[in-house]
């Protein structure tokens, strides 16, 4: 990318200097911000002939929204190419409006009046942390429409905005394709790993050993000198988790785990893992020893440890 001959302070600490001919302005002085408004719950419909309605960032896709409900009583709408911005946690999540939508209180639409909408989209991506830092609320963090309107943005001349947006379109498409290729390759390796494990566990390491029918359809033949037994015949104990809901606490050294914590043979603790008090831990704990296998009984990803 080319450098510019002269720069000036932007007045924004985390940005630093910008090209001398660029401007820093509050969003409300350049483009339009439309705060969403939610209709009454009885006005929501399943009829796709009605206006698609977005309640919040839960309706966001990778780039364009995926509406779940419809409504004929919308009061605030987005237009095609408006930037849809989540104003409730997670604050700053964005999508592009690919057509007209009704928008609820969890969203606002930013309409490019004088700027390039794609440049505005990329610019709002980097405002995520700043918007989060000014969010307030006890139940969930949120920003007001005035917070969004008053955020400072950098505005190059329109021709440069267009050039920057086109450049980012190309580069992000290349990155997305690289990610997709890597994910496909990872998928192939995962299949190869599963096949290797399956072959070693069910057939052994000697490819020339005599085989016999296991009488299990999915298993097929096994080495002739192997035995097929029910799991309970070779386990000291098989049991499941608690049949109750413990009392959770905000933070402690004791965690309540489920299938979501089982990840590729390892128990992982994430931000969403619930904590319990020591008293609740002692009340519900199961005595597991080294070598105990944990298996999830409902469908989640990578759920064996």
C-alpha atoms as a PDB file:
ATOM      1  CA  UNK A   1       0.000   0.000   0.000  1.00  0.00           C
ATOM      2  CA  UNK A   2       1.232   3.511  -0.826  1.00  0.00           C
ATOM      3  CA  UNK A   3       2.159   5.981   1.891  1.00  0.00           C
ATOM      4  CA  UNK A   4       1.021   9.610   1.914  1.00  0.00           C
ATOM      5  CA  UNK A   5       3.407  12.599   1.812  1.00  0.00           C
ATOM      6  CA  UNK A   6       1.992  14.341   4.880  1.00  0.00           C
ATOM      7  CA  UNK A   7       0.243  13.174   8.047  1.00  0.00           C
ATOM      8  CA  UNK A   8      -1.467  14.860  10.999  1.00  0.00           C
ATOM      9  CA  UNK A   9      -2.647  13.769  14.472  1.00  0.00           C
ATOM     10  CA  UNK A  10      -6.116  12.255  14.337  1.00  0.00           C
ATOM     11  CA  UNK A  11      -6.917  13.270  17.914  1.00  0.00           C
ATOM     12  CA  UNK A  12      -7.824   9.630  18.617  1.00  0.00           C
ATOM     13  CA  UNK A  13      -5.213   7.864  20.754  1.00  0.00           C
ATOM     14  CA  UNK A  14      -5.543   4.361  19.321  1.00  0.00           C
ATOM     15  CA  UNK A  15      -5.432   5.601  15.716  1.00  0.00           C
ATOM     16  CA  UNK A  16      -2.578   8.068  15.902  1.00  0.00           C
ATOM     17  CA  UNK A  17      -1.729   9.958  12.734  1.00  0.00           C
ATOM     18  CA  UNK A  18      -3.796  10.000   9.542  1.00  0.00           C
ATOM     19  CA  UNK A  19      -3.144  11.442   6.066  1.00  0.00           C
ATOM     20  CA  UNK A  20      -3.299  15.224   6.217  1.00  0.00           C
ATOM     21  CA  UNK A  21      -6.266  15.570   3.840  1.00  0.00           C
ATOM     22  CA  UNK A  22      -8.477  13.061   5.711  1.00  0.00           C
ATOM     23  CA  UNK A  23     -11.107  14.241   8.185  1.00  0.00           C
ATOM     24  CA  UNK A  24     -12.283  13.008  11.590  1.00  0.00           C
ATOM     25  CA  UNK A  25     -15.990  13.584  12.179  1.00  0.00           C
ATOM     26  CA  UNK A  26     -18.752  12.299  14.407  1.00  0.00           C
ATOM     27  CA  UNK A  27     -20.873   9.770  12.554  1.00  0.00           C
ATOM     28  CA  UNK A  28     -24.053  11.848  12.969  1.00  0.00           C
ATOM     29  CA  UNK A  29     -22.576  14.687  10.906  1.00  0.00           C
ATOM     30  CA  UNK A  30     -21.901  12.438   7.929  1.00  0.00           C
ATOM     31  CA  UNK A  31     -24.361   9.548   7.822  1.00  0.00           C
ATOM     32  CA  UNK A  32     -27.736   8.577   9.297  1.00  0.00           C
ATOM     33  CA  UNK A  33     -28.202   6.388  12.383  1.00  0.00           C
ATOM     34  CA  UNK A  34     -31.613   4.734  12.831  1.00  0.00           C
ATOM     35  CA  UNK A  35     -32.363   3.149  16.204  1.00  0.00           C
ATOM     36  CA  UNK A  36     -34.476  -0.009  16.096  1.00  0.00           C
ATOM     37  CA  UNK A  37     -37.824  -0.363  17.802  1.00  0.00           C
ATOM     38  CA  UNK A  38     -39.570  -3.606  18.682  1.00  0.00           C
ATOM     39  CA  UNK A  39     -43.280  -4.214  18.064  1.00  0.00           C
ATOM     40  CA  UNK A  40     -45.536  -6.025  20.522  1.00  0.00           C
ATOM     41  CA  UNK A  41     -44.804  -9.759  20.748  1.00  0.00           C
ATOM     42  CA  UNK A  42     -48.256 -10.624  19.348  1.00  0.00           C
ATOM     43  CA  UNK A  43     -47.357  -8.815  16.126  1.00  0.00           C
ATOM     44  CA  UNK A  44     -44.620 -11.331  15.243  1.00  0.00           C
ATOM     45  CA  UNK A  45     -45.576 -13.725  12.444  1.00  0.00           C
ATOM     46  CA  UNK A  46     -44.267 -16.853  10.734  1.00  0.00           C
ATOM     47  CA  UNK A  47     -45.617 -15.584   7.416  1.00  0.00           C
ATOM     48  CA  UNK A  48     -42.705 -14.940   5.062  1.00  0.00           C
ATOM     49  CA  UNK A  49     -44.958 -12.635   3.032  1.00  0.00           C
ATOM     50  CA  UNK A  50     -44.720 -10.121   5.879  1.00  0.00           C
ATOM     51  CA  UNK A  51     -41.693  -7.885   6.481  1.00  0.00           C
ATOM     52  CA  UNK A  52     -38.662  -9.871   7.743  1.00  0.00           C
ATOM     53  CA  UNK A  53     -37.850  -8.636  11.239  1.00  0.00           C
ATOM     54  CA  UNK A  54     -34.486  -8.677  13.006  1.00  0.00           C
ATOM     55  CA  UNK A  55     -34.650  -8.762  16.784  1.00  0.00           C
ATOM     56  CA  UNK A  56     -30.899  -8.502  17.395  1.00  0.00           C
ATOM     57  CA  UNK A  57     -27.499  -9.958  16.585  1.00  0.00           C
ATOM     58  CA  UNK A  58     -28.906 -13.479  17.053  1.00  0.00           C
ATOM     59  CA  UNK A  59     -30.340 -12.979  13.563  1.00  0.00           C
ATOM     60  CA  UNK A  60     -26.932 -12.158  12.061  1.00  0.00           C
ATOM     61  CA  UNK A  61     -25.238 -14.383   9.511  1.00  0.00           C
ATOM     62  CA  UNK A  62     -21.625 -14.210   8.381  1.00  0.00           C
ATOM     63  CA  UNK A  63     -22.302 -11.080   6.336  1.00  0.00           C
ATOM     64  CA  UNK A  64     -26.062 -10.794   5.814  1.00  0.00           C
ATOM     65  CA  UNK A  65     -28.811 -11.409   8.377  1.00  0.00           C
ATOM     66  CA  UNK A  66     -30.986 -14.530   8.520  1.00  0.00           C
ATOM     67  CA  UNK A  67     -34.429 -13.485   9.824  1.00  0.00           C
ATOM     68  CA  UNK A  68     -36.370 -15.868  12.045  1.00  0.00           C
ATOM     69  CA  UNK A  69     -39.619 -13.919  12.414  1.00  0.00           C
ATOM     70  CA  UNK A  70     -41.751 -11.593  10.322  1.00  0.00           C
ATOM     71  CA  UNK A  71     -43.990  -8.666  11.153  1.00  0.00           C
ATOM     72  CA  UNK A  72     -46.489  -6.303   9.528  1.00  0.00           C
ATOM     73  CA  UNK A  73     -46.247  -3.716  12.309  1.00  0.00           C
ATOM     74  CA  UNK A  74     -42.642  -2.553  11.997  1.00  0.00           C
ATOM     75  CA  UNK A  75     -41.885   1.107  12.705  1.00  0.00           C
ATOM     76  CA  UNK A  76     -38.131   1.197  12.034  1.00  0.00           C
ATOM     77  CA  UNK A  77     -36.545  -0.384   8.988  1.00  0.00           C
ATOM     78  CA  UNK A  78     -33.194  -0.804   7.307  1.00  0.00           C
ATOM     79  CA  UNK A  79     -32.623  -0.481   3.578  1.00  0.00           C
ATOM     80  CA  UNK A  80     -30.338  -2.411   1.275  1.00  0.00           C
ATOM     81  CA  UNK A  81     -26.667  -1.602   2.030  1.00  0.00           C
ATOM     82  CA  UNK A  82     -27.382  -0.167   5.477  1.00  0.00           C
ATOM     83  CA  UNK A  83     -24.899  -1.289   8.142  1.00  0.00           C
ATOM     84  CA  UNK A  84     -26.682  -3.245  10.878  1.00  0.00           C
ATOM     85  CA  UNK A  85     -24.996  -2.692  14.242  1.00  0.00           C
ATOM     86  CA  UNK A  86     -25.730  -4.576  17.463  1.00  0.00           C
ATOM     87  CA  UNK A  87     -26.200  -2.103  20.331  1.00  0.00           C
ATOM     88  CA  UNK A  88     -26.639  -4.844  22.952  1.00  0.00           C
ATOM     89  CA  UNK A  89     -24.148  -7.482  24.043  1.00  0.00           C
ATOM     90  CA  UNK A  90     -22.247  -8.450  22.028  1.00  0.00           C
ATOM     91  CA  UNK A  91     -22.031  -4.736  21.236  1.00  0.00           C
ATOM     92  CA  UNK A  92     -20.531  -3.945  17.858  1.00  0.00           C
ATOM     93  CA  UNK A  93     -21.437  -7.114  15.962  1.00  0.00           C
ATOM     94  CA  UNK A  94     -22.321  -6.066  12.422  1.00  0.00           C
ATOM     95  CA  UNK A  95     -24.001  -7.263   9.253  1.00  0.00           C
ATOM     96  CA  UNK A  96     -24.993  -5.634   5.994  1.00  0.00           C
ATOM     97  CA  UNK A  97     -28.680  -5.236   5.193  1.00  0.00           C
ATOM     98  CA  UNK A  98     -29.151  -7.005   1.855  1.00  0.00           C
ATOM     99  CA  UNK A  99     -32.792  -5.867   1.608  1.00  0.00           C
ATOM    100  CA  UNK A 100     -35.397  -4.088   3.716  1.00  0.00           C
ATOM    101  CA  UNK A 101     -35.798  -5.400   7.268  1.00  0.00           C
ATOM    102  CA  UNK A 102     -37.711  -4.320  10.318  1.00  0.00           C
ATOM    103  CA  UNK A 103     -35.201  -3.763  13.130  1.00  0.00           C
ATOM    104  CA  UNK A 104     -35.724  -4.221  16.871  1.00  0.00           C
ATOM    105  CA  UNK A 105     -34.257  -2.447  19.884  1.00  0.00           C
ATOM    106  CA  UNK A 106     -31.129  -4.599  19.865  1.00  0.00           C
ATOM    107  CA  UNK A 107     -29.997  -3.048  16.580  1.00  0.00           C
ATOM    108  CA  UNK A 108     -29.463   0.209  14.810  1.00  0.00           C
ATOM    109  CA  UNK A 109     -29.016   0.810  11.102  1.00  0.00           C
ATOM    110  CA  UNK A 110     -26.289   3.116   9.837  1.00  0.00           C
ATOM    111  CA  UNK A 111     -27.171   4.508   6.428  1.00  0.00           C
ATOM    112  CA  UNK A 112     -24.360   5.875   4.272  1.00  0.00           C
ATOM    113  CA  UNK A 113     -25.568   9.249   3.003  1.00  0.00           C
ATOM    114  CA  UNK A 114     -22.274  10.749   1.848  1.00  0.00           C
ATOM    115  CA  UNK A 115     -19.771   7.934   2.464  1.00  0.00           C
ATOM    116  CA  UNK A 116     -19.121   4.588   0.754  1.00  0.00           C
ATOM    117  CA  UNK A 117     -21.228   1.981   2.581  1.00  0.00           C
ATOM    118  CA  UNK A 118     -18.577  -0.729   2.264  1.00  0.00           C
ATOM    119  CA  UNK A 119     -15.891   1.584   3.676  1.00  0.00           C
ATOM    120  CA  UNK A 120     -18.315   2.396   6.496  1.00  0.00           C
ATOM    121  CA  UNK A 121     -18.825  -1.341   7.088  1.00  0.00           C
ATOM    122  CA  UNK A 122     -15.081  -1.988   7.423  1.00  0.00           C
ATOM    123  CA  UNK A 123     -14.638   1.091   9.599  1.00  0.00           C
ATOM    124  CA  UNK A 124     -17.392  -0.037  11.995  1.00  0.00           C
ATOM    125  CA  UNK A 125     -15.635  -3.405  12.378  1.00  0.00           C
ATOM    126  CA  UNK A 126     -12.671  -1.713  14.043  1.00  0.00           C
ATOM    127  CA  UNK A 127     -15.000   0.292  16.344  1.00  0.00           C
ATOM    128  CA  UNK A 128     -16.068  -2.901  18.134  1.00  0.00           C
ATOM    129  CA  UNK A 129     -13.797  -2.576  21.170  1.00  0.00           C
ATOM    130  CA  UNK A 130     -14.444   1.145  21.576  1.00  0.00           C
ATOM    131  CA  UNK A 131     -18.214   0.676  21.551  1.00  0.00           C
ATOM    132  CA  UNK A 132     -17.912  -2.183  24.037  1.00  0.00           C
ATOM    133  CA  UNK A 133     -15.861  -0.005  26.368  1.00  0.00           C
ATOM    134  CA  UNK A 134     -18.659   2.567  26.688  1.00  0.00           C
ATOM    135  CA  UNK A 135     -21.470   0.039  27.075  1.00  0.00           C
ATOM    136  CA  UNK A 136     -23.417   0.195  30.326  1.00  0.00           C
ATOM    137  CA  UNK A 137     -26.052  -1.910  32.072  1.00  0.00           C
ATOM    138  CA  UNK A 138     -26.369  -4.411  34.905  1.00  0.00           C
ATOM    139  CA  UNK A 139     -28.322  -7.173  33.135  1.00  0.00           C
ATOM    140  CA  UNK A 140     -26.528  -6.768  29.792  1.00  0.00           C
ATOM    141  CA  UNK A 141     -24.266  -4.095  28.360  1.00  0.00           C
ATOM    142  CA  UNK A 142     -25.709  -1.751  25.758  1.00  0.00           C
ATOM    143  CA  UNK A 143     -24.940   1.524  24.016  1.00  0.00           C
ATOM    144  CA  UNK A 144     -27.423   4.266  23.188  1.00  0.00           C
ATOM    145  CA  UNK A 145     -28.182   5.678  19.784  1.00  0.00           C
ATOM    146  CA  UNK A 146     -26.407   8.869  20.890  1.00  0.00           C
ATOM    147  CA  UNK A 147     -23.284   6.821  21.693  1.00  0.00           C
ATOM    148  CA  UNK A 148     -23.310   5.501  18.122  1.00  0.00           C
ATOM    149  CA  UNK A 149     -24.048   8.897  16.580  1.00  0.00           C
ATOM    150  CA  UNK A 150     -21.237  10.539  18.537  1.00  0.00           C
ATOM    151  CA  UNK A 151     -18.540   8.011  17.704  1.00  0.00           C
ATOM    152  CA  UNK A 152     -15.651   9.539  15.779  1.00  0.00           C
ATOM    153  CA  UNK A 153     -14.838   8.069  12.387  1.00  0.00           C
ATOM    154  CA  UNK A 154     -12.169   8.812   9.813  1.00  0.00           C
ATOM    155  CA  UNK A 155     -13.379   9.989   6.431  1.00  0.00           C
ATOM    156  CA  UNK A 156     -11.009  10.068   3.455  1.00  0.00           C
ATOM    157  CA  UNK A 157     -12.336  11.595   0.215  1.00  0.00           C
ATOM    158  CA  UNK A 158     -15.041   9.406  -1.330  1.00  0.00           C
ATOM    159  CA  UNK A 159     -12.763   8.180  -4.142  1.00  0.00           C
ATOM    160  CA  UNK A 160     -10.263   6.914  -1.561  1.00  0.00           C
ATOM    161  CA  UNK A 161     -13.010   5.327   0.510  1.00  0.00           C
ATOM    162  CA  UNK A 162     -14.096   3.387  -2.564  1.00  0.00           C
ATOM    163  CA  UNK A 163     -10.529   2.326  -3.358  1.00  0.00           C
ATOM    164  CA  UNK A 164      -9.947   1.184   0.250  1.00  0.00           C
ATOM    165  CA  UNK A 165     -13.238  -0.744   0.314  1.00  0.00           C
ATOM    166  CA  UNK A 166     -12.427  -2.473  -2.986  1.00  0.00           C
ATOM    167  CA  UNK A 167      -8.949  -3.380  -1.718  1.00  0.00           C
ATOM    168  CA  UNK A 168     -10.384  -4.848   1.500  1.00  0.00           C
ATOM    169  CA  UNK A 169     -13.028  -6.768  -0.462  1.00  0.00           C
ATOM    170  CA  UNK A 170     -10.274  -8.465  -2.479  1.00  0.00           C
ATOM    171  CA  UNK A 171      -7.968  -9.127   0.445  1.00  0.00           C
ATOM    172  CA  UNK A 172     -10.643 -10.413   2.831  1.00  0.00           C
ATOM    173  CA  UNK A 173     -12.002 -12.686   0.073  1.00  0.00           C
ATOM    174  CA  UNK A 174      -8.501 -14.131  -0.340  1.00  0.00           C
ATOM    175  CA  UNK A 175      -8.211 -14.674   3.411  1.00  0.00           C
ATOM    176  CA  UNK A 176     -11.674 -16.261   3.602  1.00  0.00           C
ATOM    177  CA  UNK A 177     -10.734 -18.653   0.792  1.00  0.00           C
ATOM    178  CA  UNK A 178      -7.488 -19.556   2.562  1.00  0.00           C
ATOM    179  CA  UNK A 179      -9.426 -20.257   5.753  1.00  0.00           C
ATOM    180  CA  UNK A 180     -11.932 -22.403   3.832  1.00  0.00           C
ATOM    181  CA  UNK A 181      -9.105 -24.365   2.209  1.00  0.00           C
ATOM    182  CA  UNK A 182      -7.418 -24.916   5.583  1.00  0.00           C
ATOM    183  CA  UNK A 183     -10.701 -26.024   7.164  1.00  0.00           C
ATOM    184  CA  UNK A 184     -11.278 -28.498   4.328  1.00  0.00           C
ATOM    185  CA  UNK A 185      -7.755 -29.855   4.819  1.00  0.00           C
ATOM    186  CA  UNK A 186      -8.328 -30.124   8.573  1.00  0.00           C
ATOM    187  CA  UNK A 187     -11.533 -32.025   7.837  1.00  0.00           C
ATOM    188  CA  UNK A 188      -9.612 -34.505   5.693  1.00  0.00           C
ATOM    189  CA  UNK A 189      -7.001 -34.983   8.428  1.00  0.00           C
ATOM    190  CA  UNK A 190      -9.764 -35.529  10.981  1.00  0.00           C
ATOM    191  CA  UNK A 191     -11.308 -38.231   8.797  1.00  0.00           C
ATOM    192  CA  UNK A 192      -7.895 -39.834   8.313  1.00  0.00           C
ATOM    193  CA  UNK A 193      -7.316 -39.777  12.084  1.00  0.00           C
ATOM    194  CA  UNK A 194     -10.704 -41.361  12.782  1.00  0.00           C
ATOM    195  CA  UNK A 195     -10.040 -44.022  10.160  1.00  0.00           C
ATOM    196  CA  UNK A 196      -6.628 -44.774  11.656  1.00  0.00           C
ATOM    197  CA  UNK A 197      -8.077 -45.066  15.160  1.00  0.00           C
ATOM    198  CA  UNK A 198     -10.957 -47.227  13.933  1.00  0.00           C
ATOM    199  CA  UNK A 199      -8.634 -49.574  12.044  1.00  0.00           C
ATOM    200  CA  UNK A 200      -6.218 -49.999  14.972  1.00  0.00           C
ATOM    201  CA  UNK A 201      -8.945 -50.460  17.593  1.00  0.00           C
ATOM    202  CA  UNK A 202     -11.127 -52.859  15.600  1.00  0.00           C
ATOM    203  CA  UNK A 203      -8.557 -54.746  13.499  1.00  0.00           C
ATOM    204  CA  UNK A 204      -5.293 -54.485  15.440  1.00  0.00           C
ATOM    205  CA  UNK A 205      -1.831 -53.811  14.040  1.00  0.00           C
ATOM    206  CA  UNK A 206      -1.245 -57.054  12.119  1.00  0.00           C
ATOM    207  CA  UNK A 207      -2.931 -56.862   8.695  1.00  0.00           C
ATOM    208  CA  UNK A 208      -2.364 -60.630   8.126  1.00  0.00           C
ATOM    209  CA  UNK A 209      -4.065 -61.926  11.273  1.00  0.00           C
ATOM    210  CA  UNK A 210      -7.019 -64.330  10.731  1.00  0.00           C
ATOM    211  CA  UNK A 211     -10.419 -62.631  11.142  1.00  0.00           C
ATOM    212  CA  UNK A 212     -13.878 -63.668  12.311  1.00  0.00           C
ATOM    213  CA  UNK A 213     -17.329 -62.133  12.140  1.00  0.00           C
ATOM    214  CA  UNK A 214     -18.003 -59.939  15.174  1.00  0.00           C
ATOM    215  CA  UNK A 215     -21.785 -60.278  14.632  1.00  0.00           C
ATOM    216  CA  UNK A 216     -21.960 -56.498  14.972  1.00  0.00           C
ATOM    217  CA  UNK A 217     -23.012 -54.915  11.685  1.00  0.00           C
ATOM    218  CA  UNK A 218     -21.050 -51.652  11.948  1.00  0.00           C
ATOM    219  CA  UNK A 219     -17.948 -53.425  13.296  1.00  0.00           C
ATOM    220  CA  UNK A 220     -17.640 -56.199  10.745  1.00  0.00           C
ATOM    221  CA  UNK A 221     -14.739 -58.663  11.103  1.00  0.00           C
ATOM    222  CA  UNK A 222     -12.314 -58.630  14.040  1.00  0.00           C
ATOM    223  CA  UNK A 223      -9.159 -60.678  14.728  1.00  0.00           C
ATOM    224  CA  UNK A 224     -10.120 -64.299  15.382  1.00  0.00           C
ATOM    225  CA  UNK A 225      -8.495 -64.396  18.833  1.00  0.00           C
ATOM    226  CA  UNK A 226     -10.280 -61.232  20.072  1.00  0.00           C
ATOM    227  CA  UNK A 227     -13.431 -61.251  22.158  1.00  0.00           C
ATOM    228  CA  UNK A 228     -16.541 -59.108  21.746  1.00  0.00           C
ATOM    229  CA  UNK A 229     -18.147 -58.158  25.062  1.00  0.00           C
ATOM    230  CA  UNK A 230     -20.658 -55.670  26.375  1.00  0.00           C
ATOM    231  CA  UNK A 231     -19.111 -52.594  27.951  1.00  0.00           C
ATOM    232  CA  UNK A 232     -20.600 -53.401  31.348  1.00  0.00           C
ATOM    233  CA  UNK A 233     -18.683 -56.683  31.378  1.00  0.00           C
ATOM    234  CA  UNK A 234     -15.307 -54.947  31.328  1.00  0.00           C
ATOM    235  CA  UNK A 235     -16.119 -51.806  33.347  1.00  0.00           C
ATOM    236  CA  UNK A 236     -16.088 -51.476  37.097  1.00  0.00           C
ATOM    237  CA  UNK A 237     -18.859 -48.875  37.012  1.00  0.00           C
ATOM    238  CA  UNK A 238     -21.004 -47.041  34.448  1.00  0.00           C
ATOM    239  CA  UNK A 239     -23.034 -44.079  35.575  1.00  0.00           C
ATOM    240  CA  UNK A 240     -24.293 -40.700  34.454  1.00  0.00           C
ATOM    241  CA  UNK A 241     -24.263 -37.159  35.760  1.00  0.00           C
ATOM    242  CA  UNK A 242     -26.491 -35.632  38.384  1.00  0.00           C
ATOM    243  CA  UNK A 243     -30.245 -35.449  37.839  1.00  0.00           C
ATOM    244  CA  UNK A 244     -30.595 -32.010  39.390  1.00  0.00           C
ATOM    245  CA  UNK A 245     -29.515 -28.433  38.776  1.00  0.00           C
ATOM    246  CA  UNK A 246     -26.980 -27.118  41.263  1.00  0.00           C
ATOM    247  CA  UNK A 247     -26.958 -23.560  42.548  1.00  0.00           C
ATOM    248  CA  UNK A 248     -24.490 -21.586  40.486  1.00  0.00           C
ATOM    249  CA  UNK A 249     -22.247 -18.786  41.753  1.00  0.00           C
ATOM    250  CA  UNK A 250     -20.520 -16.000  39.849  1.00  0.00           C
ATOM    251  CA  UNK A 251     -17.011 -17.284  40.456  1.00  0.00           C
ATOM    252  CA  UNK A 252     -15.279 -20.113  42.305  1.00  0.00           C
ATOM    253  CA  UNK A 253     -12.614 -22.784  41.908  1.00  0.00           C
ATOM    254  CA  UNK A 254     -15.289 -25.459  41.364  1.00  0.00           C
ATOM    255  CA  UNK A 255     -16.921 -25.969  37.981  1.00  0.00           C
ATOM    256  CA  UNK A 256     -20.030 -27.771  36.786  1.00  0.00           C
ATOM    257  CA  UNK A 257     -19.147 -29.419  33.472  1.00  0.00           C
ATOM    258  CA  UNK A 258     -21.236 -30.962  30.706  1.00  0.00           C
ATOM    259  CA  UNK A 259     -20.688 -32.269  27.191  1.00  0.00           C
ATOM    260  CA  UNK A 260     -19.650 -28.831  25.946  1.00  0.00           C
ATOM    261  CA  UNK A 261     -16.508 -29.105  28.088  1.00  0.00           C
ATOM    262  CA  UNK A 262     -15.312 -32.300  26.382  1.00  0.00           C
ATOM    263  CA  UNK A 263     -12.929 -31.346  23.617  1.00  0.00           C
ATOM    264  CA  UNK A 264     -10.723 -33.803  21.703  1.00  0.00           C
ATOM    265  CA  UNK A 265      -9.920 -35.931  24.735  1.00  0.00           C
ATOM    266  CA  UNK A 266      -9.451 -32.996  27.101  1.00  0.00           C
ATOM    267  CA  UNK A 267     -11.762 -31.314  29.607  1.00  0.00           C
ATOM    268  CA  UNK A 268     -11.693 -27.594  28.823  1.00  0.00           C
ATOM    269  CA  UNK A 269     -13.111 -24.750  30.911  1.00  0.00           C
ATOM    270  CA  UNK A 270     -14.528 -21.817  28.947  1.00  0.00           C
ATOM    271  CA  UNK A 271     -16.125 -18.496  29.862  1.00  0.00           C
ATOM    272  CA  UNK A 272     -19.560 -20.110  29.624  1.00  0.00           C
ATOM    273  CA  UNK A 273     -18.716 -22.892  32.117  1.00  0.00           C
ATOM    274  CA  UNK A 274     -20.824 -22.524  35.267  1.00  0.00           C
ATOM    275  CA  UNK A 275     -19.245 -22.270  38.721  1.00  0.00           C
ATOM    276  CA  UNK A 276     -20.604 -23.749  41.951  1.00  0.00           C
ATOM    277  CA  UNK A 277     -19.760 -23.247  45.602  1.00  0.00           C
ATOM    278  CA  UNK A 278     -17.593 -25.731  47.495  1.00  0.00           C
ATOM    279  CA  UNK A 279     -20.725 -26.864  49.333  1.00  0.00           C
ATOM    280  CA  UNK A 280     -22.527 -27.642  46.076  1.00  0.00           C
ATOM    281  CA  UNK A 281     -19.403 -29.363  44.770  1.00  0.00           C
ATOM    282  CA  UNK A 282     -19.251 -31.648  47.814  1.00  0.00           C
ATOM    283  CA  UNK A 283     -22.966 -32.343  47.489  1.00  0.00           C
ATOM    284  CA  UNK A 284     -22.895 -33.422  43.849  1.00  0.00           C
ATOM    285  CA  UNK A 285     -19.328 -34.516  43.115  1.00  0.00           C
ATOM    286  CA  UNK A 286     -18.601 -37.890  41.535  1.00  0.00           C
ATOM    287  CA  UNK A 287     -15.439 -39.760  42.481  1.00  0.00           C
ATOM    288  CA  UNK A 288     -13.659 -40.270  39.163  1.00  0.00           C
ATOM    289  CA  UNK A 289     -10.222 -41.814  38.944  1.00  0.00           C
ATOM    290  CA  UNK A 290      -7.514 -41.534  36.306  1.00  0.00           C
ATOM    291  CA  UNK A 291      -8.644 -43.341  33.167  1.00  0.00           C
ATOM    292  CA  UNK A 292     -12.352 -42.671  33.618  1.00  0.00           C
ATOM    293  CA  UNK A 293     -13.909 -42.072  30.209  1.00  0.00           C
ATOM    294  CA  UNK A 294     -16.486 -39.287  29.937  1.00  0.00           C
ATOM    295  CA  UNK A 295     -18.989 -39.589  27.084  1.00  0.00           C
ATOM    296  CA  UNK A 296     -21.649 -37.059  26.191  1.00  0.00           C
ATOM    297  CA  UNK A 297     -25.111 -38.584  25.722  1.00  0.00           C
ATOM    298  CA  UNK A 298     -26.462 -35.674  23.666  1.00  0.00           C
ATOM    299  CA  UNK A 299     -25.160 -34.306  20.375  1.00  0.00           C
ATOM    300  CA  UNK A 300     -22.389 -31.773  20.784  1.00  0.00           C
ATOM    301  CA  UNK A 301     -19.107 -31.370  18.912  1.00  0.00           C
ATOM    302  CA  UNK A 302     -15.983 -33.279  19.989  1.00  0.00           C
ATOM    303  CA  UNK A 303     -17.665 -34.658  23.092  1.00  0.00           C
ATOM    304  CA  UNK A 304     -15.438 -37.464  24.393  1.00  0.00           C
ATOM    305  CA  UNK A 305     -12.688 -37.175  27.016  1.00  0.00           C
END
